[in-house]
Full PDB file with SEQRES, HELIX, SHEET, SSBOND, CRYST1, ORIGX, SCALE, CONECT and MASTER records, all heavy atoms in Angstrom:
SEQRES   1 A   34  GLY TRP PHE ARG GLN ALA PRO GLY LYS GLU ARG GLU GLY          
SEQRES   2 A   34  ILE ALA CYS VAL SER ASN ARG HIS GLN ARG THR TYR VAL          
SEQRES   3 A   34  SER ASP SER VAL LYS GLY ARG PHE                              
SHEET    1 AA1 3 TRP A   2  ARG A   4  0                                        
SHEET    2 AA1 3 GLU A  12  VAL A  17 -1                                        
SHEET    3 AA1 3 THR A  24  VAL A  26 -1                                        
CRYST1    1.000    1.000    1.000  90.00  90.00  90.00 P 1           1          
ORIGX1      1.000000  0.000000  0.000000        0.00000                         
ORIGX2      0.000000  1.000000  0.000000        0.00000                         
ORIGX3      0.000000  0.000000  1.000000        0.00000                         
SCALE1      1.000000  0.000000  0.000000        0.00000                         
SCALE2      0.000000  1.000000  0.000000        0.00000                         
SCALE3      0.000000  0.000000  1.000000        0.00000                         
ATOM      1  N   GLY A   1     112.153  87.942  93.059  1.00  0.00           N  
ATOM      2  CA  GLY A   1     112.604  89.014  93.925  1.00  0.00           C  
ATOM      3  C   GLY A   1     111.490  89.544  94.801  1.00  0.00           C  
ATOM      4  O   GLY A   1     110.307  89.396  94.480  1.00  0.00           O  
ATOM      5  N   TRP A   2     111.879  90.135  95.900  1.00  0.00           N  
ATOM      6  CA  TRP A   2     110.952  90.822  96.804  1.00  0.00           C  
ATOM      7  C   TRP A   2     111.414  92.265  96.968  1.00  0.00           C  
ATOM      8  O   TRP A   2     112.602  92.518  97.212  1.00  0.00           O  
ATOM      9  CB  TRP A   2     110.894  90.142  98.164  1.00  0.00           C  
ATOM     10  CG  TRP A   2     110.164  88.845  98.158  1.00  0.00           C  
ATOM     11  CD1 TRP A   2     110.693  87.600  97.951  1.00  0.00           C  
ATOM     12  CD2 TRP A   2     108.764  88.649  98.362  1.00  0.00           C  
ATOM     13  NE1 TRP A   2     109.712  86.651  98.008  1.00  0.00           N  
ATOM     14  CE2 TRP A   2     108.513  87.272  98.263  1.00  0.00           C  
ATOM     15  CE3 TRP A   2     107.693  89.504  98.626  1.00  0.00           C  
ATOM     16  CZ2 TRP A   2     107.234  86.729  98.416  1.00  0.00           C  
ATOM     17  CZ3 TRP A   2     106.421  88.968  98.773  1.00  0.00           C  
ATOM     18  CH2 TRP A   2     106.211  87.595  98.671  1.00  0.00           C  
ATOM     19  N   PHE A   3     110.466  93.164  96.850  1.00  0.00           N  
ATOM     20  CA  PHE A   3     110.691  94.586  97.049  1.00  0.00           C  
ATOM     21  C   PHE A   3     109.752  95.058  98.139  1.00  0.00           C  
ATOM     22  O   PHE A   3     108.763  94.396  98.461  1.00  0.00           O  
ATOM     23  CB  PHE A   3     110.410  95.365  95.749  1.00  0.00           C  
ATOM     24  CG  PHE A   3     111.414  95.136  94.656  1.00  0.00           C  
ATOM     25  CD1 PHE A   3     111.480  93.918  94.003  1.00  0.00           C  
ATOM     26  CD2 PHE A   3     112.286  96.149  94.277  1.00  0.00           C  
ATOM     27  CE1 PHE A   3     112.406  93.702  92.987  1.00  0.00           C  
ATOM     28  CE2 PHE A   3     113.206  95.950  93.265  1.00  0.00           C  
ATOM     29  CZ  PHE A   3     113.275  94.723  92.612  1.00  0.00           C  
ATOM     30  N   ARG A   4     110.049  96.216  98.710  1.00  0.00           N  
ATOM     31  CA  ARG A   4     109.137  96.798  99.683  1.00  0.00           C  
ATOM     32  C   ARG A   4     109.159  98.308  99.588  1.00  0.00           C  
ATOM     33  O   ARG A   4     110.141  98.905  99.138  1.00  0.00           O  
ATOM     34  CB  ARG A   4     109.479  96.349 101.107  1.00  0.00           C  
ATOM     35  CG  ARG A   4     110.775  96.929 101.667  1.00  0.00           C  
ATOM     36  CD  ARG A   4     111.041  96.383 103.063  1.00  0.00           C  
ATOM     37  NE  ARG A   4     112.261  96.922 103.640  1.00  0.00           N  
ATOM     38  CZ  ARG A   4     112.772  96.538 104.801  1.00  0.00           C  
ATOM     39  NH1 ARG A   4     112.169  95.575 105.515  1.00  0.00           N  
ATOM     40  NH2 ARG A   4     113.886  97.084 105.269  1.00  0.00           N  
ATOM     41  N   GLN A   5     108.064  98.903 100.012  1.00  0.00           N  
ATOM     42  CA  GLN A   5     107.963 100.352 100.040  1.00  0.00           C  
ATOM     43  C   GLN A   5     107.371 100.769 101.375  1.00  0.00           C  
ATOM     44  O   GLN A   5     106.199 100.484 101.659  1.00  0.00           O  
ATOM     45  CB  GLN A   5     107.121 100.889  98.892  1.00  0.00           C  
ATOM     46  CG  GLN A   5     107.142 102.407  98.791  1.00  0.00           C  
ATOM     47  CD  GLN A   5     106.588 102.918  97.478  1.00  0.00           C  
ATOM     48  OE1 GLN A   5     105.863 102.229  96.773  1.00  0.00           O  
ATOM     49  NE2 GLN A   5     106.946 104.142  97.131  1.00  0.00           N  
ATOM     50  N   ALA A   6     108.199 101.417 102.165  1.00  0.00           N  
ATOM     51  CA  ALA A   6     107.749 101.916 103.462  1.00  0.00           C  
ATOM     52  C   ALA A   6     107.073 103.273 103.285  1.00  0.00           C  
ATOM     53  O   ALA A   6     107.325 103.970 102.289  1.00  0.00           O  
ATOM     54  CB  ALA A   6     108.941 102.040 104.396  1.00  0.00           C  
ATOM     55  N   PRO A   7     106.227 103.661 104.226  1.00  0.00           N  
ATOM     56  CA  PRO A   7     105.540 104.949 104.112  1.00  0.00           C  
ATOM     57  C   PRO A   7     106.529 106.107 103.940  1.00  0.00           C  
ATOM     58  O   PRO A   7     107.482 106.227 104.718  1.00  0.00           O  
ATOM     59  CB  PRO A   7     104.792 105.061 105.437  1.00  0.00           C  
ATOM     60  CG  PRO A   7     104.598 103.654 105.873  1.00  0.00           C  
ATOM     61  CD  PRO A   7     105.807 102.916 105.418  1.00  0.00           C  
ATOM     62  N   GLY A   8     106.321 106.895 102.908  1.00  0.00           N  
ATOM     63  CA  GLY A   8     107.156 108.060 102.686  1.00  0.00           C  
ATOM     64  C   GLY A   8     108.521 107.773 102.097  1.00  0.00           C  
ATOM     65  O   GLY A   8     109.351 108.688 101.971  1.00  0.00           O  
ATOM     66  N   LYS A   9     108.759 106.518 101.716  1.00  0.00           N  
ATOM     67  CA  LYS A   9     110.067 106.156 101.173  1.00  0.00           C  
ATOM     68  C   LYS A   9     109.924 105.539  99.779  1.00  0.00           C  
ATOM     69  O   LYS A   9     108.845 105.126  99.374  1.00  0.00           O  
ATOM     70  CB  LYS A   9     110.780 105.169 102.106  1.00  0.00           C  
ATOM     71  CG  LYS A   9     111.140 105.754 103.454  1.00  0.00           C  
ATOM     72  CD  LYS A   9     111.990 104.785 104.253  1.00  0.00           C  
ATOM     73  CE  LYS A   9     112.419 105.393 105.574  1.00  0.00           C  
ATOM     74  NZ  LYS A   9     113.272 104.455 106.366  1.00  0.00           N  
ATOM     75  N   GLU A  10     111.028 105.479  99.084  1.00  0.00           N  
ATOM     76  CA  GLU A  10     111.031 104.862  97.769  1.00  0.00           C  
ATOM     77  C   GLU A  10     111.005 103.333  97.905  1.00  0.00           C  
ATOM     78  O   GLU A  10     111.424 102.771  98.910  1.00  0.00           O  
ATOM     79  CB  GLU A  10     112.275 105.279  96.988  1.00  0.00           C  
ATOM     80  CG  GLU A  10     112.307 106.746  96.613  1.00  0.00           C  
ATOM     81  CD  GLU A  10     113.474 107.100  95.707  1.00  0.00           C  
ATOM     82  OE1 GLU A  10     114.311 106.209  95.447  1.00  0.00           O  
ATOM     83  OE2 GLU A  10     113.541 108.241  95.248  1.00  0.00           O  
ATOM     84  N   ARG A  11     110.503 102.697  96.854  1.00  0.00           N  
ATOM     85  CA  ARG A  11     110.505 101.238  96.816  1.00  0.00           C  
ATOM     86  C   ARG A  11     111.953 100.722  96.745  1.00  0.00           C  
ATOM     87  O   ARG A  11     112.776 101.288  96.012  1.00  0.00           O  
ATOM     88  CB  ARG A  11     109.704 100.737  95.626  1.00  0.00           C  
ATOM     89  CG  ARG A  11     109.503  99.242  95.586  1.00  0.00           C  
ATOM     90  CD  ARG A  11     108.696  98.845  94.373  1.00  0.00           C  
ATOM     91  NE  ARG A  11     107.274  99.164  94.537  1.00  0.00           N  
ATOM     92  CZ  ARG A  11     106.600 100.003  93.741  1.00  0.00           C  
ATOM     93  NH1 ARG A  11     107.229 100.600  92.745  1.00  0.00           N  
ATOM     94  NH2 ARG A  11     105.331 100.205  93.942  1.00  0.00           N  
ATOM     95  N   GLU A  12     112.254  99.689  97.481  1.00  0.00           N  
ATOM     96  CA  GLU A  12     113.606  99.129  97.483  1.00  0.00           C  
ATOM     97  C   GLU A  12     113.554  97.615  97.291  1.00  0.00           C  
ATOM     98  O   GLU A  12     112.638  96.941  97.761  1.00  0.00           O  
ATOM     99  CB  GLU A  12     114.320  99.442  98.812  1.00  0.00           C  
ATOM    100  CG  GLU A  12     113.672  98.836 100.037  1.00  0.00           C  
ATOM    101  CD  GLU A  12     114.512  98.934 101.295  1.00  0.00           C  
ATOM    102  OE1 GLU A  12     115.749  99.003 101.197  1.00  0.00           O  
ATOM    103  OE2 GLU A  12     113.920  98.881 102.398  1.00  0.00           O  
ATOM    104  N   GLY A  13     114.552  97.110  96.605  1.00  0.00           N  
ATOM    105  CA  GLY A  13     114.684  95.669  96.472  1.00  0.00           C  
ATOM    106  C   GLY A  13     115.385  95.125  97.695  1.00  0.00           C  
ATOM    107  O   GLY A  13     116.438  95.619  98.078  1.00  0.00           O  
ATOM    108  N   ILE A  14     114.813  94.121  98.313  1.00  0.00           N  
ATOM    109  CA  ILE A  14     115.427  93.600  99.524  1.00  0.00           C  
ATOM    110  C   ILE A  14     116.048  92.224  99.318  1.00  0.00           C  
ATOM    111  O   ILE A  14     116.976  91.849 100.039  1.00  0.00           O  
ATOM    112  CB  ILE A  14     114.425  93.553 100.697  1.00  0.00           C  
ATOM    113  CG1 ILE A  14     113.144  92.811 100.300  1.00  0.00           C  
ATOM    114  CG2 ILE A  14     114.090  94.965 101.162  1.00  0.00           C  
ATOM    115  CD1 ILE A  14     112.189  92.598 101.461  1.00  0.00           C  
ATOM    116  N   ALA A  15     115.559  91.468  98.361  1.00  0.00           N  
ATOM    117  CA  ALA A  15     116.131  90.158  98.097  1.00  0.00           C  
ATOM    118  C   ALA A  15     115.737  89.704  96.701  1.00  0.00           C  
ATOM    119  O   ALA A  15     114.585  89.869  96.296  1.00  0.00           O  
ATOM    120  CB  ALA A  15     115.678  89.128  99.123  1.00  0.00           C  
ATOM    121  N   CYS A  16     116.702  89.180  95.962  1.00  0.00           N  
ATOM    122  CA  CYS A  16     116.388  88.671  94.625  1.00  0.00           C  
ATOM    123  C   CYS A  16     117.403  87.601  94.236  1.00  0.00           C  
ATOM    124  O   CYS A  16     118.538  87.602  94.718  1.00  0.00           O  
ATOM    125  CB  CYS A  16     116.340  89.790  93.590  1.00  0.00           C  
ATOM    126  SG  CYS A  16     117.788  90.859  93.548  1.00  0.00           S  
ATOM    127  N   VAL A  17     116.962  86.708  93.372  1.00  0.00           N  
ATOM    128  CA  VAL A  17     117.790  85.600  92.910  1.00  0.00           C  
ATOM    129  C   VAL A  17     117.571  85.417  91.422  1.00  0.00           C  
ATOM    130  O   VAL A  17     116.424  85.326  90.977  1.00  0.00           O  
ATOM    131  CB  VAL A  17     117.427  84.276  93.635  1.00  0.00           C  
ATOM    132  CG1 VAL A  17     118.377  83.157  93.203  1.00  0.00           C  
ATOM    133  CG2 VAL A  17     117.455  84.443  95.132  1.00  0.00           C  
ATOM    134  N   SER A  18     118.637  85.358  90.651  1.00  0.00           N  
ATOM    135  CA  SER A  18     118.499  85.142  89.217  1.00  0.00           C  
ATOM    136  C   SER A  18     118.212  83.674  88.950  1.00  0.00           C  
ATOM    137  O   SER A  18     118.457  82.802  89.796  1.00  0.00           O  
ATOM    138  CB  SER A  18     119.765  85.579  88.483  1.00  0.00           C  
ATOM    139  OG  SER A  18     120.850  84.733  88.838  1.00  0.00           O  
ATOM    140  N   ASN A  19     117.694  83.389  87.781  1.00  0.00           N  
ATOM    141  CA  ASN A  19     117.298  82.027  87.475  1.00  0.00           C  
ATOM    142  C   ASN A  19     118.473  81.163  87.019  1.00  0.00           C  
ATOM    143  O   ASN A  19     118.699  80.079  87.561  1.00  0.00           O  
ATOM    144  CB  ASN A  19     116.238  82.041  86.371  1.00  0.00           C  
ATOM    145  CG  ASN A  19     115.769  80.634  86.016  1.00  0.00           C  
ATOM    146  OD1 ASN A  19     115.326  79.895  86.870  1.00  0.00           O  
ATOM    147  ND2 ASN A  19     115.891  80.275  84.749  1.00  0.00           N  
ATOM    148  N   ARG A  20     119.227  81.659  86.057  1.00  0.00           N  
ATOM    149  CA  ARG A  20     120.212  80.794  85.412  1.00  0.00           C  
ATOM    150  C   ARG A  20     121.404  80.493  86.304  1.00  0.00           C  
ATOM    151  O   ARG A  20     121.819  79.347  86.444  1.00  0.00           O  
ATOM    152  CB  ARG A  20     120.678  81.424  84.107  1.00  0.00           C  
ATOM    153  CG  ARG A  20     121.592  80.524  83.305  1.00  0.00           C  
ATOM    154  CD  ARG A  20     121.895  81.122  81.957  1.00  0.00           C  
ATOM    155  NE  ARG A  20     122.759  80.259  81.162  1.00  0.00           N  
ATOM    156  CZ  ARG A  20     123.231  80.582  79.962  1.00  0.00           C  
ATOM    157  NH1 ARG A  20     122.932  81.738  79.419  1.00  0.00           N  
ATOM    158  NH2 ARG A  20     124.008  79.741  79.314  1.00  0.00           N  
ATOM    159  N   HIS A  21     121.975  81.537  86.921  1.00  0.00           N  
ATOM    160  CA  HIS A  21     123.199  81.336  87.694  1.00  0.00           C  
ATOM    161  C   HIS A  21     122.987  81.464  89.199  1.00  0.00           C  
ATOM    162  O   HIS A  21     123.941  81.386  89.958  1.00  0.00           O  
ATOM    163  CB  HIS A  21     124.270  82.334  87.244  1.00  0.00           C  
ATOM    164  CG  HIS A  21     124.652  82.185  85.802  1.00  0.00           C  
ATOM    165  ND1 HIS A  21     125.240  81.038  85.310  1.00  0.00           N  
ATOM    166  CD2 HIS A  21     124.501  83.025  84.746  1.00  0.00           C  
ATOM    167  CE1 HIS A  21     125.459  81.190  84.011  1.00  0.00           C  
ATOM    168  NE2 HIS A  21     125.019  82.365  83.647  1.00  0.00           N  
ATOM    169  N   GLN A  22     121.731  81.667  89.604  1.00  0.00           N  
ATOM    170  CA  GLN A  22     121.421  81.782  91.030  1.00  0.00           C  
ATOM    171  C   GLN A  22     122.219  82.893  91.711  1.00  0.00           C  
ATOM    172  O   GLN A  22     122.596  82.779  92.892  1.00  0.00           O  
ATOM    173  CB  GLN A  22     121.650  80.456  91.745  1.00  0.00           C  
ATOM    174  CG  GLN A  22     120.725  79.341  91.255  1.00  0.00           C  
ATOM    175  CD  GLN A  22     119.278  79.583  91.636  1.00  0.00           C  
ATOM    176  OE1 GLN A  22     118.896  79.518  92.793  1.00  0.00           O  
ATOM    177  NE2 GLN A  22     118.422  79.865  90.633  1.00  0.00           N  
ATOM    178  N   ARG A  23     122.469  83.964  90.963  1.00  0.00           N  
ATOM    179  CA  ARG A  23     123.080  85.122  91.598  1.00  0.00           C  
ATOM    180  C   ARG A  23     122.075  85.699  92.594  1.00  0.00           C  
ATOM    181  O   ARG A  23     120.881  85.772  92.313  1.00  0.00           O  
ATOM    182  CB  ARG A  23     123.459  86.159  90.551  1.00  0.00           C  
ATOM    183  CG  ARG A  23     124.579  85.731  89.627  1.00  0.00           C  
ATOM    184  CD  ARG A  23     124.799  86.764  88.542  1.00  0.00           C  
ATOM    185  NE  ARG A  23     125.142  88.071  89.085  1.00  0.00           N  
ATOM    186  CZ  ARG A  23     125.215  89.187  88.333  1.00  0.00           C  
ATOM    187  NH1 ARG A  23     124.948  89.135  87.057  1.00  0.00           N  
ATOM    188  NH2 ARG A  23     125.544  90.323  88.888  1.00  0.00           N  
ATOM    189  N   THR A  24     122.579  86.138  93.738  1.00  0.00           N  
ATOM    190  CA  THR A  24     121.687  86.550  94.822  1.00  0.00           C  
ATOM    191  C   THR A  24     122.086  87.900  95.371  1.00  0.00           C  
ATOM    192  O   THR A  24     123.278  88.220  95.483  1.00  0.00           O  
ATOM    193  CB  THR A  24     121.718  85.512  95.956  1.00  0.00           C  
ATOM    194  OG1 THR A  24     121.337  84.237  95.442  1.00  0.00           O  
ATOM    195  CG2 THR A  24     120.753  85.895  97.071  1.00  0.00           C  
ATOM    196  N   TYR A  25     121.101  88.691  95.705  1.00  0.00           N  
ATOM    197  CA  TYR A  25     121.311  89.928  96.459  1.00  0.00           C  
ATOM    198  C   TYR A  25     120.371  89.919  97.646  1.00  0.00           C  
ATOM    199  O   TYR A  25     119.181  89.597  97.509  1.00  0.00           O  
ATOM    200  CB  TYR A  25     121.049  91.165  95.604  1.00  0.00           C  
ATOM    201  CG  TYR A  25     121.019  92.428  96.442  1.00  0.00           C  
ATOM    202  CD1 TYR A  25     122.201  93.071  96.797  1.00  0.00           C  
ATOM    203  CD2 TYR A  25     119.819  92.947  96.921  1.00  0.00           C  
ATOM    204  CE1 TYR A  25     122.180  94.208  97.588  1.00  0.00           C  
ATOM    205  CE2 TYR A  25     119.800  94.073  97.721  1.00  0.00           C  
ATOM    206  CZ  TYR A  25     120.972  94.705  98.046  1.00  0.00           C  
ATOM    207  OH  TYR A  25     120.948  95.832  98.839  1.00  0.00           O  
ATOM    208  N   VAL A  26     120.902  90.271  98.796  1.00  0.00           N  
ATOM    209  CA  VAL A  26     120.083  90.473  99.988  1.00  0.00           C  
ATOM    210  C   VAL A  26     120.513  91.789 100.618  1.00  0.00           C  
ATOM    211  O   VAL A  26     121.703  91.998 100.872  1.00  0.00           O  
ATOM    212  CB  VAL A  26     120.236  89.328 101.003  1.00  0.00           C  
ATOM    213  CG1 VAL A  26     119.372  89.593 102.227  1.00  0.00           C  
ATOM    214  CG2 VAL A  26     119.856  87.996 100.369  1.00  0.00           C  
ATOM    215  N   SER A  27     119.575  92.653 100.865  1.00  0.00           N  
ATOM    216  CA  SER A  27     119.873  93.954 101.443  1.00  0.00           C  
ATOM    217  C   SER A  27     120.493  93.813 102.828  1.00  0.00           C  
ATOM    218  O   SER A  27     120.095  92.952 103.618  1.00  0.00           O  
ATOM    219  CB  SER A  27     118.589  94.782 101.529  1.00  0.00           C  
ATOM    220  OG  SER A  27     118.793  95.946 102.279  1.00  0.00           O  
ATOM    221  N   ASP A  28     121.433  94.667 103.137  1.00  0.00           N  
ATOM    222  CA  ASP A  28     122.051  94.647 104.464  1.00  0.00           C  
ATOM    223  C   ASP A  28     121.013  94.844 105.563  1.00  0.00           C  
ATOM    224  O   ASP A  28     121.180  94.357 106.677  1.00  0.00           O  
ATOM    225  CB  ASP A  28     123.122  95.737 104.559  1.00  0.00           C  
ATOM    226  CG  ASP A  28     124.382  95.385 103.805  1.00  0.00           C  
ATOM    227  OD1 ASP A  28     124.574  94.197 103.479  1.00  0.00           O  
ATOM    228  OD2 ASP A  28     125.180  96.307 103.542  1.00  0.00           O  
ATOM    229  N   SER A  29     119.943  95.567 105.235  1.00  0.00           N  
ATOM    230  CA  SER A  29     118.929  95.868 106.247  1.00  0.00           C  
ATOM    231  C   SER A  29     118.154  94.625 106.688  1.00  0.00           C  
ATOM    232  O   SER A  29     117.537  94.626 107.746  1.00  0.00           O  
ATOM    233  CB  SER A  29     117.955  96.920 105.718  1.00  0.00           C  
ATOM    234  OG  SER A  29     117.251  96.428 104.590  1.00  0.00           O  
ATOM    235  N   VAL A  30     118.184  93.559 105.880  1.00  0.00           N  
ATOM    236  CA  VAL A  30     117.434  92.358 106.223  1.00  0.00           C  
ATOM    237  C   VAL A  30     118.308  91.112 106.273  1.00  0.00           C  
ATOM    238  O   VAL A  30     117.815  90.018 106.604  1.00  0.00           O  
ATOM    239  CB  VAL A  30     116.264  92.122 105.239  1.00  0.00           C  
ATOM    240  CG1 VAL A  30     115.371  93.353 105.163  1.00  0.00           C  
ATOM    241  CG2 VAL A  30     116.772  91.744 103.857  1.00  0.00           C  
ATOM    242  N   LYS A  31     119.571  91.258 105.956  1.00  0.00           N  
ATOM    243  CA  LYS A  31     120.470  90.105 105.904  1.00  0.00           C  
ATOM    244  C   LYS A  31     120.515  89.396 107.259  1.00  0.00           C  
ATOM    245  O   LYS A  31     120.629  90.027 108.301  1.00  0.00           O  
ATOM    246  CB  LYS A  31     121.866  90.548 105.480  1.00  0.00           C  
ATOM    247  CG  LYS A  31     122.798  89.431 105.055  1.00  0.00           C  
ATOM    248  CD  LYS A  31     124.060  89.992 104.415  1.00  0.00           C  
ATOM    249  CE  LYS A  31     123.757  90.640 103.092  1.00  0.00           C  
ATOM    250  NZ  LYS A  31     124.967  91.166 102.417  1.00  0.00           N  
ATOM    251  N   GLY A  32     120.401  88.087 107.217  1.00  0.00           N  
ATOM    252  CA  GLY A  32     120.392  87.310 108.449  1.00  0.00           C  
ATOM    253  C   GLY A  32     119.027  87.182 109.076  1.00  0.00           C  
ATOM    254  O   GLY A  32     118.832  86.387 110.007  1.00  0.00           O  
ATOM    255  N   ARG A  33     118.059  87.965 108.599  1.00  0.00           N  
ATOM    256  CA  ARG A  33     116.700  87.908 109.149  1.00  0.00           C  
ATOM    257  C   ARG A  33     115.680  87.432 108.110  1.00  0.00           C  
ATOM    258  O   ARG A  33     114.697  86.782 108.450  1.00  0.00           O  
ATOM    259  CB  ARG A  33     116.277  89.282 109.663  1.00  0.00           C  
ATOM    260  CG  ARG A  33     117.170  89.844 110.755  1.00  0.00           C  
ATOM    261  CD  ARG A  33     116.574  91.118 111.358  1.00  0.00           C  
ATOM    262  NE  ARG A  33     116.442  92.178 110.377  1.00  0.00           N  
ATOM    263  CZ  ARG A  33     115.292  92.791 110.076  1.00  0.00           C  
ATOM    264  NH1 ARG A  33     114.170  92.437 110.683  1.00  0.00           N  
ATOM    265  NH2 ARG A  33     115.270  93.775 109.177  1.00  0.00           N  
ATOM    266  N   PHE A  34     115.875  87.771 106.850  1.00  0.00           N  
ATOM    267  CA  PHE A  34     114.930  87.413 105.787  1.00  0.00           C  
ATOM    268  C   PHE A  34     115.557  86.369 104.871  1.00  0.00           C  
ATOM    269  O   PHE A  34     116.755  86.422 104.572  1.00  0.00           O  
ATOM    270  CB  PHE A  34     114.578  88.638 104.938  1.00  0.00           C  
ATOM    271  CG  PHE A  34     113.748  89.683 105.633  1.00  0.00           C  
ATOM    272  CD1 PHE A  34     113.539  89.681 107.000  1.00  0.00           C  
ATOM    273  CD2 PHE A  34     113.147  90.691 104.884  1.00  0.00           C  
ATOM    274  CE1 PHE A  34     112.774  90.653 107.625  1.00  0.00           C  
ATOM    275  CE2 PHE A  34     112.370  91.668 105.484  1.00  0.00           C  
ATOM    276  CZ  PHE A  34     112.194  91.657 106.857  1.00  0.00           C  
TER     277      PHE A  34                                                      
MASTER        0    0    0    0    3    0    0    6  276    1    0    3          
END                                                                             
């Protein structure tokens, strides 16, 4: 997984993939770009 923390904001998960079933999450803020 990749997380990020912008200045003055909380850390957020932006993309992650599980190992066994390859479940995936991609944040709407980066979808299509990352």
